[in-house]
Amino acid sequence: MTELTFRSLQDYLDVKYEAICQRKNISSPSTSDLFIKLVEEIGEVAEVLSQLKGNKANTDDASLENKLADVVHYVVEIANVNGIDLGKAIIEKDKRASVKYNESPNLAEFLSKK
């Protein structure tokens, strides 16, 4: 199986959403529409977690794996629409957090050792 990177997922979603936008005759998906979908998916993650904890009746379509994949999908597409290289942003954010919280190694250091 090919290993997925944020860059490859962002590139794939660019192609996918370009086709969707052409069909809908719009230039690009709006950040607000994508954010609304993201919040819906986060709600579905909460539903699954509640079912797994036993607080709600379990349904057959409850898959934490699928719901988390949906959340990542929308986060990545929000980054795309806003011109953000998500992989780079995560590494830079982790560097700042590592300094702030005096943690080592940071993500960039960890990745360089692999």
PDB file of N, CA and C in Angstrom:
ATOM      1  N   MET A   1       0.832  -1.181   0.000  1.00  0.00           N
ATOM      2  CA  MET A   1       0.000   0.000   0.000  1.00  0.00           C
ATOM      3  C   MET A   1       0.879   1.247   0.000  1.00  0.00           C
ATOM      4  N   THR A   2       0.520   2.218  -0.793  1.00  0.00           N
ATOM      5  CA  THR A   2       1.242   3.472  -0.859  1.00  0.00           C
ATOM      6  C   THR A   2       0.999   4.279   0.408  1.00  0.00           C
ATOM      7  N   GLU A   3       2.066   4.865   0.946  1.00  0.00           N
ATOM      8  CA  GLU A   3       1.920   5.678   2.150  1.00  0.00           C
ATOM      9  C   GLU A   3       1.347   7.042   1.780  1.00  0.00           C
ATOM     10  N   LEU A   4       0.359   7.463   2.534  1.00  0.00           N
ATOM     11  CA  LEU A   4      -0.308   8.731   2.295  1.00  0.00           C
ATOM     12  C   LEU A   4       0.439   9.853   3.001  1.00  0.00           C
ATOM     13  N   THR A   5       0.627  10.951   2.306  1.00  0.00           N
ATOM     14  CA  THR A   5       1.189  12.153   2.919  1.00  0.00           C
ATOM     15  C   THR A   5       0.140  13.263   2.838  1.00  0.00           C
ATOM     16  N   PHE A   6       0.304  14.277   3.662  1.00  0.00           N
ATOM     17  CA  PHE A   6      -0.605  15.414   3.565  1.00  0.00           C
ATOM     18  C   PHE A   6      -0.532  16.027   2.169  1.00  0.00           C
ATOM     19  N   ARG A   7       0.683  16.120   1.617  1.00  0.00           N
ATOM     20  CA  ARG A   7       0.851  16.725   0.293  1.00  0.00           C
ATOM     21  C   ARG A   7       0.073  15.941  -0.763  1.00  0.00           C
ATOM     22  N   SER A   8       0.194  14.604  -0.730  1.00  0.00           N
ATOM     23  CA  SER A   8      -0.516  13.809  -1.734  1.00  0.00           C
ATOM     24  C   SER A   8      -2.026  13.899  -1.541  1.00  0.00           C
ATOM     25  N   LEU A   9      -2.482  13.962  -0.299  1.00  0.00           N
ATOM     26  CA  LEU A   9      -3.913  14.113  -0.047  1.00  0.00           C
ATOM     27  C   LEU A   9      -4.389  15.487  -0.517  1.00  0.00           C
ATOM     28  N   GLN A  10      -3.597  16.517  -0.268  1.00  0.00           N
ATOM     29  CA  GLN A  10      -3.973  17.850  -0.731  1.00  0.00           C
ATOM     30  C   GLN A  10      -4.033  17.890  -2.262  1.00  0.00           C
ATOM     31  N   ASP A  11      -3.068  17.277  -2.920  1.00  0.00           N
ATOM     32  CA  ASP A  11      -3.069  17.232  -4.389  1.00  0.00           C
ATOM     33  C   ASP A  11      -4.287  16.483  -4.914  1.00  0.00           C
ATOM     34  N   TYR A  12      -4.604  15.345  -4.299  1.00  0.00           N
ATOM     35  CA  TYR A  12      -5.774  14.559  -4.700  1.00  0.00           C
ATOM     36  C   TYR A  12      -7.063  15.363  -4.526  1.00  0.00           C
ATOM     37  N   LEU A  13      -7.211  16.020  -3.377  1.00  0.00           N
ATOM     38  CA  LEU A  13      -8.425  16.783  -3.132  1.00  0.00           C
ATOM     39  C   LEU A  13      -8.532  17.989  -4.062  1.00  0.00           C
ATOM     40  N   ASP A  14      -7.394  18.562  -4.482  1.00  0.00           N
ATOM     41  CA  ASP A  14      -7.429  19.624  -5.496  1.00  0.00           C
ATOM     42  C   ASP A  14      -8.109  19.120  -6.763  1.00  0.00           C
ATOM     43  N   VAL A  15      -7.694  17.938  -7.210  1.00  0.00           N
ATOM     44  CA  VAL A  15      -8.262  17.356  -8.428  1.00  0.00           C
ATOM     45  C   VAL A  15      -9.744  17.030  -8.223  1.00  0.00           C
ATOM     46  N   LYS A  16     -10.044  16.409  -7.094  1.00  0.00           N
ATOM     47  CA  LYS A  16     -11.422  16.007  -6.805  1.00  0.00           C
ATOM     48  C   LYS A  16     -12.351  17.217  -6.735  1.00  0.00           C
ATOM     49  N   TYR A  17     -11.948  18.238  -5.995  1.00  0.00           N
ATOM     50  CA  TYR A  17     -12.817  19.403  -5.839  1.00  0.00           C
ATOM     51  C   TYR A  17     -12.874  20.260  -7.099  1.00  0.00           C
ATOM     52  N   GLU A  18     -11.846  20.230  -7.914  1.00  0.00           N
ATOM     53  CA  GLU A  18     -11.904  20.937  -9.195  1.00  0.00           C
ATOM     54  C   GLU A  18     -13.033  20.359 -10.043  1.00  0.00           C
ATOM     55  N   ALA A  19     -13.130  19.032 -10.074  1.00  0.00           N
ATOM     56  CA  ALA A  19     -14.201  18.380 -10.830  1.00  0.00           C
ATOM     57  C   ALA A  19     -15.565  18.690 -10.222  1.00  0.00           C
ATOM     58  N   ILE A  20     -15.655  18.665  -8.913  1.00  0.00           N
ATOM     59  CA  ILE A  20     -16.926  18.974  -8.235  1.00  0.00           C
ATOM     60  C   ILE A  20     -17.345  20.410  -8.550  1.00  0.00           C
ATOM     61  N   CYS A  21     -16.396  21.331  -8.483  1.00  0.00           N
ATOM     62  CA  CYS A  21     -16.701  22.738  -8.739  1.00  0.00           C
ATOM     63  C   CYS A  21     -17.118  22.965 -10.187  1.00  0.00           C
ATOM     64  N   GLN A  22     -16.490  22.260 -11.116  1.00  0.00           N
ATOM     65  CA  GLN A  22     -16.892  22.370 -12.516  1.00  0.00           C
ATOM     66  C   GLN A  22     -18.333  21.912 -12.698  1.00  0.00           C
ATOM     67  N   ARG A  23     -18.688  20.790 -12.051  1.00  0.00           N
ATOM     68  CA  ARG A  23     -20.060  20.284 -12.140  1.00  0.00           C
ATOM     69  C   ARG A  23     -21.051  21.279 -11.554  1.00  0.00           C
ATOM     70  N   LYS A  24     -20.657  21.953 -10.467  1.00  0.00           N
ATOM     71  CA  LYS A  24     -21.554  22.894  -9.788  1.00  0.00           C
ATOM     72  C   LYS A  24     -21.425  24.315 -10.337  1.00  0.00           C
ATOM     73  N   ASN A  25     -20.501  24.488 -11.273  1.00  0.00           N
ATOM     74  CA  ASN A  25     -20.257  25.798 -11.886  1.00  0.00           C
ATOM     75  C   ASN A  25     -19.891  26.868 -10.850  1.00  0.00           C
ATOM     76  N   ILE A  26     -18.978  26.487  -9.942  1.00  0.00           N
ATOM     77  CA  ILE A  26     -18.452  27.436  -8.960  1.00  0.00           C
ATOM     78  C   ILE A  26     -16.930  27.418  -9.054  1.00  0.00           C
ATOM     79  N   SER A  27     -16.297  28.486  -8.565  1.00  0.00           N
ATOM     80  CA  SER A  27     -14.839  28.570  -8.691  1.00  0.00           C
ATOM     81  C   SER A  27     -14.122  27.668  -7.694  1.00  0.00           C
ATOM     82  N   SER A  28     -14.593  27.632  -6.453  1.00  0.00           N
ATOM     83  CA  SER A  28     -14.003  26.759  -5.440  1.00  0.00           C
ATOM     84  C   SER A  28     -14.991  26.623  -4.288  1.00  0.00           C
ATOM     85  N   PRO A  29     -14.822  25.568  -3.499  1.00  0.00           N
ATOM     86  CA  PRO A  29     -15.712  25.432  -2.343  1.00  0.00           C
ATOM     87  C   PRO A  29     -15.397  26.546  -1.342  1.00  0.00           C
ATOM     88  N   SER A  30     -16.399  27.006  -0.635  1.00  0.00           N
ATOM     89  CA  SER A  30     -16.151  28.066   0.338  1.00  0.00           C
ATOM     90  C   SER A  30     -15.658  27.468   1.649  1.00  0.00           C
ATOM     91  N   THR A  31     -14.796  28.230   2.312  1.00  0.00           N
ATOM     92  CA  THR A  31     -14.287  27.795   3.610  1.00  0.00           C
ATOM     93  C   THR A  31     -15.429  27.572   4.581  1.00  0.00           C
ATOM     94  N   SER A  32     -16.410  28.461   4.562  1.00  0.00           N
ATOM     95  CA  SER A  32     -17.521  28.326   5.520  1.00  0.00           C
ATOM     96  C   SER A  32     -18.340  27.064   5.256  1.00  0.00           C
ATOM     97  N   ASP A  33     -18.587  26.740   3.982  1.00  0.00           N
ATOM     98  CA  ASP A  33     -19.318  25.498   3.678  1.00  0.00           C
ATOM     99  C   ASP A  33     -18.526  24.272   4.120  1.00  0.00           C
ATOM    100  N   LEU A  34     -17.225  24.293   3.869  1.00  0.00           N
ATOM    101  CA  LEU A  34     -16.376  23.177   4.289  1.00  0.00           C
ATOM    102  C   LEU A  34     -16.327  23.071   5.814  1.00  0.00           C
ATOM    103  N   PHE A  35     -16.280  24.213   6.486  1.00  0.00           N
ATOM    104  CA  PHE A  35     -16.247  24.202   7.948  1.00  0.00           C
ATOM    105  C   PHE A  35     -17.538  23.630   8.517  1.00  0.00           C
ATOM    106  N   ILE A  36     -18.663  23.982   7.915  1.00  0.00           N
ATOM    107  CA  ILE A  36     -19.947  23.420   8.360  1.00  0.00           C
ATOM    108  C   ILE A  36     -19.928  21.903   8.220  1.00  0.00           C
ATOM    109  N   LYS A  37     -19.416  21.402   7.091  1.00  0.00           N
ATOM    110  CA  LYS A  37     -19.301  19.951   6.905  1.00  0.00           C
ATOM    111  C   LYS A  37     -18.362  19.343   7.946  1.00  0.00           C
ATOM    112  N   LEU A  38     -17.248  20.037   8.238  1.00  0.00           N
ATOM    113  CA  LEU A  38     -16.298  19.554   9.243  1.00  0.00           C
ATOM    114  C   LEU A  38     -16.978  19.410  10.602  1.00  0.00           C
ATOM    115  N   VAL A  39     -17.741  20.409  10.991  1.00  0.00           N
ATOM    116  CA  VAL A  39     -18.432  20.366  12.281  1.00  0.00           C
ATOM    117  C   VAL A  39     -19.442  19.221  12.301  1.00  0.00           C
ATOM    118  N   GLU A  40     -20.144  19.010  11.190  1.00  0.00           N
ATOM    119  CA  GLU A  40     -21.069  17.874  11.104  1.00  0.00           C
ATOM    120  C   GLU A  40     -20.330  16.560  11.316  1.00  0.00           C
ATOM    121  N   GLU A  41     -19.170  16.435  10.673  1.00  0.00           N
ATOM    122  CA  GLU A  41     -18.395  15.189  10.811  1.00  0.00           C
ATOM    123  C   GLU A  41     -17.862  15.019  12.232  1.00  0.00           C
ATOM    124  N   ILE A  42     -17.455  16.108  12.871  1.00  0.00           N
ATOM    125  CA  ILE A  42     -17.006  16.029  14.269  1.00  0.00           C
ATOM    126  C   ILE A  42     -18.158  15.572  15.152  1.00  0.00           C
ATOM    127  N   GLY A  43     -19.357  16.056  14.851  1.00  0.00           N
ATOM    128  CA  GLY A  43     -20.537  15.589  15.586  1.00  0.00           C
ATOM    129  C   GLY A  43     -20.755  14.100  15.416  1.00  0.00           C
ATOM    130  N   GLU A  44     -20.498  13.603  14.204  1.00  0.00           N
ATOM    131  CA  GLU A  44     -20.642  12.164  13.958  1.00  0.00           C
ATOM    132  C   GLU A  44     -19.572  11.368  14.710  1.00  0.00           C
ATOM    133  N   VAL A  45     -18.370  11.929  14.846  1.00  0.00           N
ATOM    134  CA  VAL A  45     -17.329  11.279  15.658  1.00  0.00           C
ATOM    135  C   VAL A  45     -17.815  11.206  17.107  1.00  0.00           C
ATOM    136  N   ALA A  46     -18.399  12.281  17.598  1.00  0.00           N
ATOM    137  CA  ALA A  46     -18.923  12.296  18.970  1.00  0.00           C
ATOM    138  C   ALA A  46     -20.004  11.235  19.152  1.00  0.00           C
ATOM    139  N   GLU A  47     -20.870  11.075  18.146  1.00  0.00           N
ATOM    140  CA  GLU A  47     -21.914  10.048  18.209  1.00  0.00           C
ATOM    141  C   GLU A  47     -21.302   8.652  18.331  1.00  0.00           C
ATOM    142  N   VAL A  48     -20.300   8.370  17.497  1.00  0.00           N
ATOM    143  CA  VAL A  48     -19.662   7.054  17.526  1.00  0.00           C
ATOM    144  C   VAL A  48     -18.979   6.821  18.869  1.00  0.00           C
ATOM    145  N   LEU A  49     -18.271   7.823  19.367  1.00  0.00           N
ATOM    146  CA  LEU A  49     -17.594   7.673  20.661  1.00  0.00           C
ATOM    147  C   LEU A  49     -18.609   7.436  21.775  1.00  0.00           C
ATOM    148  N   SER A  50     -19.727   8.112  21.694  1.00  0.00           N
ATOM    149  CA  SER A  50     -20.783   7.923  22.682  1.00  0.00           C
ATOM    150  C   SER A  50     -21.341   6.503  22.606  1.00  0.00           C
ATOM    151  N   GLN A  51     -21.486   5.992  21.392  1.00  0.00           N
ATOM    152  CA  GLN A  51     -21.957   4.614  21.219  1.00  0.00           C
ATOM    153  C   GLN A  51     -20.926   3.628  21.754  1.00  0.00           C
ATOM    154  N   LEU A  52     -19.660   3.872  21.448  1.00  0.00           N
ATOM    155  CA  LEU A  52     -18.606   2.961  21.910  1.00  0.00           C
ATOM    156  C   LEU A  52     -18.503   2.954  23.435  1.00  0.00           C
ATOM    157  N   LYS A  53     -18.792   4.079  24.047  1.00  0.00           N
ATOM    158  CA  LYS A  53     -18.749   4.182  25.512  1.00  0.00           C
ATOM    159  C   LYS A  53     -19.988   3.559  26.155  1.00  0.00           C
ATOM    160  N   GLY A  54     -21.016   3.315  25.335  1.00  0.00           N
ATOM    161  CA  GLY A  54     -22.234   2.704  25.853  1.00  0.00           C
ATOM    162  C   GLY A  54     -23.290   3.704  26.252  1.00  0.00           C
ATOM    163  N   ASN A  55     -23.065   4.968  25.959  1.00  0.00           N
ATOM    164  CA  ASN A  55     -24.040   5.999  26.317  1.00  0.00           C
ATOM    165  C   ASN A  55     -25.205   6.071  25.346  1.00  0.00           C
ATOM    166  N   LYS A  56     -25.015   5.534  24.142  1.00  0.00           N
ATOM    167  CA  LYS A  56     -26.063   5.554  23.121  1.00  0.00           C
ATOM    168  C   LYS A  56     -26.142   4.176  22.492  1.00  0.00           C
ATOM    169  N   ALA A  57     -27.298   3.878  21.923  1.00  0.00           N
ATOM    170  CA  ALA A  57     -27.466   2.604  21.229  1.00  0.00           C
ATOM    171  C   ALA A  57     -26.530   2.553  20.027  1.00  0.00           C
ATOM    172  N   ASN A  58     -25.917   1.404  19.828  1.00  0.00           N
ATOM    173  CA  ASN A  58     -24.975   1.221  18.726  1.00  0.00           C
ATOM    174  C   ASN A  58     -25.733   1.022  17.417  1.00  0.00           C
ATOM    175  N   THR A  59     -25.250   1.674  16.365  1.00  0.00           N
ATOM    176  CA  THR A  59     -25.828   1.479  15.033  1.00  0.00           C
ATOM    177  C   THR A  59     -24.786   0.833  14.147  1.00  0.00           C
ATOM    178  N   ASP A  60     -25.241   0.129  13.132  1.00  0.00           N
ATOM    179  CA  ASP A  60     -24.328  -0.600  12.259  1.00  0.00           C
ATOM    180  C   ASP A  60     -23.402   0.306  11.465  1.00  0.00           C
ATOM    181  N   ASP A  61     -23.824   1.536  11.182  1.00  0.00           N
ATOM    182  CA  ASP A  61     -23.008   2.422  10.354  1.00  0.00           C
ATOM    183  C   ASP A  61     -21.993   3.223  11.167  1.00  0.00           C
ATOM    184  N   ALA A  62     -21.894   2.945  12.462  1.00  0.00           N
ATOM    185  CA  ALA A  62     -20.985   3.684  13.327  1.00  0.00           C
ATOM    186  C   ALA A  62     -19.564   3.145  13.191  1.00  0.00           C
ATOM    187  N   SER A  63     -18.734   3.877  12.481  1.00  0.00           N
ATOM    188  CA  SER A  63     -17.343   3.489  12.307  1.00  0.00           C
ATOM    189  C   SER A  63     -16.453   4.675  12.644  1.00  0.00           C
ATOM    190  N   LEU A  64     -15.756   4.581  13.763  1.00  0.00           N
ATOM    191  CA  LEU A  64     -14.865   5.657  14.171  1.00  0.00           C
ATOM    192  C   LEU A  64     -13.815   5.917  13.093  1.00  0.00           C
ATOM    193  N   GLU A  65     -13.299   4.855  12.495  1.00  0.00           N
ATOM    194  CA  GLU A  65     -12.291   4.979  11.444  1.00  0.00           C
ATOM    195  C   GLU A  65     -12.801   5.837  10.285  1.00  0.00           C
ATOM    196  N   ASN A  66     -14.002   5.551   9.804  1.00  0.00           N
ATOM    197  CA  ASN A  66     -14.570   6.308   8.687  1.00  0.00           C
ATOM    198  C   ASN A  66     -14.876   7.747   9.055  1.00  0.00           C
ATOM    199  N   LYS A  67     -15.393   7.960  10.253  1.00  0.00           N
ATOM    200  CA  LYS A  67     -15.744   9.320  10.678  1.00  0.00           C
ATOM    201  C   LYS A  67     -14.489  10.169  10.857  1.00  0.00           C
ATOM    202  N   LEU A  68     -13.418   9.599  11.401  1.00  0.00           N
ATOM    203  CA  LEU A  68     -12.167  10.351  11.543  1.00  0.00           C
ATOM    204  C   LEU A  68     -11.566  10.668  10.170  1.00  0.00           C
ATOM    205  N   ALA A  69     -11.693   9.737   9.234  1.00  0.00           N
ATOM    206  CA  ALA A  69     -11.214   9.994   7.871  1.00  0.00           C
ATOM    207  C   ALA A  69     -11.981  11.161   7.251  1.00  0.00           C
ATOM    208  N   ASP A  70     -13.283  11.242   7.514  1.00  0.00           N
ATOM    209  CA  ASP A  70     -14.082  12.361   7.014  1.00  0.00           C
ATOM    210  C   ASP A  70     -13.610  13.687   7.621  1.00  0.00           C
ATOM    211  N   VAL A  71     -13.296  13.685   8.911  1.00  0.00           N
ATOM    212  CA  VAL A  71     -12.804  14.898   9.575  1.00  0.00           C
ATOM    213  C   VAL A  71     -11.503  15.354   8.916  1.00  0.00           C
ATOM    214  N   VAL A  72     -10.577  14.430   8.708  1.00  0.00           N
ATOM    215  CA  VAL A  72      -9.299  14.773   8.077  1.00  0.00           C
ATOM    216  C   VAL A  72      -9.543  15.326   6.671  1.00  0.00           C
ATOM    217  N   HIS A  73     -10.440  14.699   5.928  1.00  0.00           N
ATOM    218  CA  HIS A  73     -10.776  15.149   4.575  1.00  0.00           C
ATOM    219  C   HIS A  73     -11.132  16.635   4.575  1.00  0.00           C
ATOM    220  N   TYR A  74     -12.044  17.028   5.446  1.00  0.00           N
ATOM    221  CA  TYR A  74     -12.492  18.420   5.454  1.00  0.00           C
ATOM    222  C   TYR A  74     -11.427  19.368   5.992  1.00  0.00           C
ATOM    223  N   VAL A  75     -10.652  18.953   6.973  1.00  0.00           N
ATOM    224  CA  VAL A  75      -9.551  19.790   7.463  1.00  0.00           C
ATOM    225  C   VAL A  75      -8.565  20.054   6.330  1.00  0.00           C
ATOM    226  N   VAL A  76      -8.206  19.015   5.593  1.00  0.00           N
ATOM    227  CA  VAL A  76      -7.246  19.152   4.501  1.00  0.00           C
ATOM    228  C   VAL A  76      -7.808  20.034   3.388  1.00  0.00           C
ATOM    229  N   GLU A  77      -9.074  19.896   3.068  1.00  0.00           N
ATOM    230  CA  GLU A  77      -9.640  20.729   2.003  1.00  0.00           C
ATOM    231  C   GLU A  77      -9.773  22.181   2.443  1.00  0.00           C
ATOM    232  N   ILE A  78     -10.048  22.433   3.712  1.00  0.00           N
ATOM    233  CA  ILE A  78     -10.047  23.812   4.204  1.00  0.00           C
ATOM    234  C   ILE A  78      -8.653  24.411   4.036  1.00  0.00           C
ATOM    235  N   ALA A  79      -7.623  23.641   4.336  1.00  0.00           N
ATOM    236  CA  ALA A  79      -6.252  24.108   4.126  1.00  0.00           C
ATOM    237  C   ALA A  79      -6.020  24.419   2.652  1.00  0.00           C
ATOM    238  N   ASN A  80      -6.460  23.531   1.772  1.00  0.00           N
ATOM    239  CA  ASN A  80      -6.302  23.732   0.321  1.00  0.00           C
ATOM    240  C   ASN A  80      -6.931  25.035  -0.145  1.00  0.00           C
ATOM    241  N   VAL A  81      -8.173  25.239   0.227  1.00  0.00           N
ATOM    242  CA  VAL A  81      -8.917  26.416  -0.221  1.00  0.00           C
ATOM    243  C   VAL A  81      -8.220  27.699   0.237  1.00  0.00           C
ATOM    244  N   ASN A  82      -7.516  27.613   1.364  1.00  0.00           N
ATOM    245  CA  ASN A  82      -6.850  28.781   1.920  1.00  0.00           C
ATOM    246  C   ASN A  82      -5.356  28.831   1.601  1.00  0.00           C
ATOM    247  N   GLY A  83      -4.901  27.957   0.682  1.00  0.00           N
ATOM    248  CA  GLY A  83      -3.511  27.991   0.240  1.00  0.00           C
ATOM    249  C   GLY A  83      -2.504  27.597   1.298  1.00  0.00           C
ATOM    250  N   ILE A  84      -2.893  26.719   2.199  1.00  0.00           N
ATOM    251  CA  ILE A  84      -2.015  26.298   3.291  1.00  0.00           C
ATOM    252  C   ILE A  84      -1.427  24.933   2.980  1.00  0.00           C
ATOM    253  N   ASP A  85      -0.104  24.836   3.034  1.00  0.00           N
ATOM    254  CA  ASP A  85       0.584  23.539   2.941  1.00  0.00           C
ATOM    255  C   ASP A  85       0.500  22.934   4.336  1.00  0.00           C
ATOM    256  N   LEU A  86      -0.420  22.004   4.516  1.00  0.00           N
ATOM    257  CA  LEU A  86      -0.725  21.482   5.842  1.00  0.00           C
ATOM    258  C   LEU A  86       0.459  20.777   6.493  1.00  0.00           C
ATOM    259  N   GLY A  87       1.201  19.995   5.717  1.00  0.00           N
ATOM    260  CA  GLY A  87       2.373  19.324   6.280  1.00  0.00           C
ATOM    261  C   GLY A  87       3.370  20.324   6.841  1.00  0.00           C
ATOM    262  N   LYS A  88       3.662  21.351   6.062  1.00  0.00           N
ATOM    263  CA  LYS A  88       4.592  22.401   6.494  1.00  0.00           C
ATOM    264  C   LYS A  88       4.045  23.134   7.716  1.00  0.00           C
ATOM    265  N   ALA A  89       2.760  23.453   7.695  1.00  0.00           N
ATOM    266  CA  ALA A  89       2.141  24.166   8.809  1.00  0.00           C
ATOM    267  C   ALA A  89       2.220  23.362  10.104  1.00  0.00           C
ATOM    268  N   ILE A  90       2.000  22.055  10.012  1.00  0.00           N
ATOM    269  CA  ILE A  90       2.057  21.200  11.206  1.00  0.00           C
ATOM    270  C   ILE A  90       3.471  21.146  11.762  1.00  0.00           C
ATOM    271  N   ILE A  91       4.453  21.004  10.880  1.00  0.00           N
ATOM    272  CA  ILE A  91       5.846  20.954  11.336  1.00  0.00           C
ATOM    273  C   ILE A  91       6.244  22.272  12.001  1.00  0.00           C
ATOM    274  N   GLU A  92       5.884  23.396  11.389  1.00  0.00           N
ATOM    275  CA  GLU A  92       6.232  24.705  11.959  1.00  0.00           C
ATOM    276  C   GLU A  92       5.512  24.938  13.285  1.00  0.00           C
ATOM    277  N   LYS A  93       4.246  24.575  13.361  1.00  0.00           N
ATOM    278  CA  LYS A  93       3.486  24.719  14.602  1.00  0.00           C
ATOM    279  C   LYS A  93       4.090  23.860  15.706  1.00  0.00           C
ATOM    280  N   ASP A  94       4.505  22.637  15.357  1.00  0.00           N
ATOM    281  CA  ASP A  94       5.102  21.745  16.347  1.00  0.00           C
ATOM    282  C   ASP A  94       6.436  22.291  16.852  1.00  0.00           C
ATOM    283  N   LYS A  95       7.216  22.921  15.961  1.00  0.00           N
ATOM    284  CA  LYS A  95       8.483  23.530  16.391  1.00  0.00           C
ATOM    285  C   LYS A  95       8.220  24.597  17.453  1.00  0.00           C
ATOM    286  N   ARG A  96       7.239  25.457  17.200  1.00  0.00           N
ATOM    287  CA  ARG A  96       6.914  26.512  18.171  1.00  0.00           C
ATOM    288  C   ARG A  96       6.399  25.916  19.481  1.00  0.00           C
ATOM    289  N   ALA A  97       5.558  24.895  19.400  1.00  0.00           N
ATOM    290  CA  ALA A  97       5.016  24.264  20.607  1.00  0.00           C
ATOM    291  C   ALA A  97       6.123  23.562  21.395  1.00  0.00           C
ATOM    292  N   SER A  98       7.069  22.947  20.686  1.00  0.00           N
ATOM    293  CA  SER A  98       8.169  22.256  21.366  1.00  0.00           C
ATOM    294  C   SER A  98       9.016  23.234  22.164  1.00  0.00           C
ATOM    295  N   VAL A  99       9.231  24.410  21.614  1.00  0.00           N
ATOM    296  CA  VAL A  99       9.979  25.443  22.340  1.00  0.00           C
ATOM    297  C   VAL A  99       9.154  25.936  23.521  1.00  0.00           C
ATOM    298  N   LYS A 100       7.896  26.250  23.264  1.00  0.00           N
ATOM    299  CA  LYS A 100       7.019  26.789  24.308  1.00  0.00           C
ATOM    300  C   LYS A 100       6.906  25.843  25.502  1.00  0.00           C
ATOM    301  N   TYR A 101       6.779  24.538  25.217  1.00  0.00           N
ATOM    302  CA  TYR A 101       6.568  23.560  26.289  1.00  0.00           C
ATOM    303  C   TYR A 101       7.836  22.783  26.641  1.00  0.00           C
ATOM    304  N   ASN A 102       8.971  23.210  26.076  1.00  0.00           N
ATOM    305  CA  ASN A 102      10.265  22.602  26.367  1.00  0.00           C
ATOM    306  C   ASN A 102      10.236  21.089  26.147  1.00  0.00           C
ATOM    307  N   GLU A 103       9.764  20.701  24.965  1.00  0.00           N
ATOM    308  CA  GLU A 103       9.659  19.287  24.601  1.00  0.00           C
ATOM    309  C   GLU A 103      10.668  18.949  23.515  1.00  0.00           C
ATOM    310  N   SER A 104      11.157  17.743  23.577  1.00  0.00           N
ATOM    311  CA  SER A 104      12.111  17.291  22.567  1.00  0.00           C
ATOM    312  C   SER A 104      11.891  15.801  22.334  1.00  0.00           C
ATOM    313  N   PRO A 105      12.037  15.330  21.129  1.00  0.00           N
ATOM    314  CA  PRO A 105      12.354  16.062  19.902  1.00  0.00           C
ATOM    315  C   PRO A 105      11.096  16.718  19.340  1.00  0.00           C
ATOM    316  N   ASN A 106      11.308  17.730  18.492  1.00  0.00           N
ATOM    317  CA  ASN A 106      10.154  18.267  17.787  1.00  0.00           C
ATOM    318  C   ASN A 106       9.894  17.375  16.569  1.00  0.00           C
ATOM    319  N   LEU A 107       8.824  17.627  15.868  1.00  0.00           N
ATOM    320  CA  LEU A 107       8.430  16.762  14.759  1.00  0.00           C
ATOM    321  C   LEU A 107       9.482  16.738  13.655  1.00  0.00           C
ATOM    322  N   ALA A 108      10.044  17.888  13.330  1.00  0.00           N
ATOM    323  CA  ALA A 108      11.068  17.933  12.275  1.00  0.00           C
ATOM    324  C   ALA A 108      12.275  17.066  12.655  1.00  0.00           C
ATOM    325  N   GLU A 109      12.694  17.151  13.903  1.00  0.00           N
ATOM    326  CA  GLU A 109      13.818  16.328  14.370  1.00  0.00           C
ATOM    327  C   GLU A 109      13.444  14.846  14.322  1.00  0.00           C
ATOM    328  N   PHE A 110      12.248  14.526  14.750  1.00  0.00           N
ATOM    329  CA  PHE A 110      11.781  13.141  14.723  1.00  0.00           C
ATOM    330  C   PHE A 110      11.790  12.595  13.316  1.00  0.00           C
ATOM    331  N   LEU A 111      11.272  13.366  12.370  1.00  0.00           N
ATOM    332  CA  LEU A 111      11.214  12.911  10.982  1.00  0.00           C
ATOM    333  C   LEU A 111      12.598  12.774  10.371  1.00  0.00           C
ATOM    334  N   SER A 112      13.534  13.607  10.774  1.00  0.00           N
ATOM    335  CA  SER A 112      14.887  13.526  10.203  1.00  0.00           C
ATOM    336  C   SER A 112      15.630  12.281  10.673  1.00  0.00           C
ATOM    337  N   LYS A 113      15.194  11.664  11.748  1.00  0.00           N
ATOM    338  CA  LYS A 113      15.834  10.450  12.275  1.00  0.00           C
ATOM    339  C   LYS A 113      15.254   9.180  11.687  1.00  0.00           C
ATOM    340  N   LYS A 114      14.157   9.288  10.939  1.00  0.00           N
ATOM    341  CA  LYS A 114      13.505   8.106  10.375  1.00  0.00           C
ATOM    342  C   LYS A 114      14.222   7.647   9.132  1.00  0.00           C
TER     343      LYS A 114
END
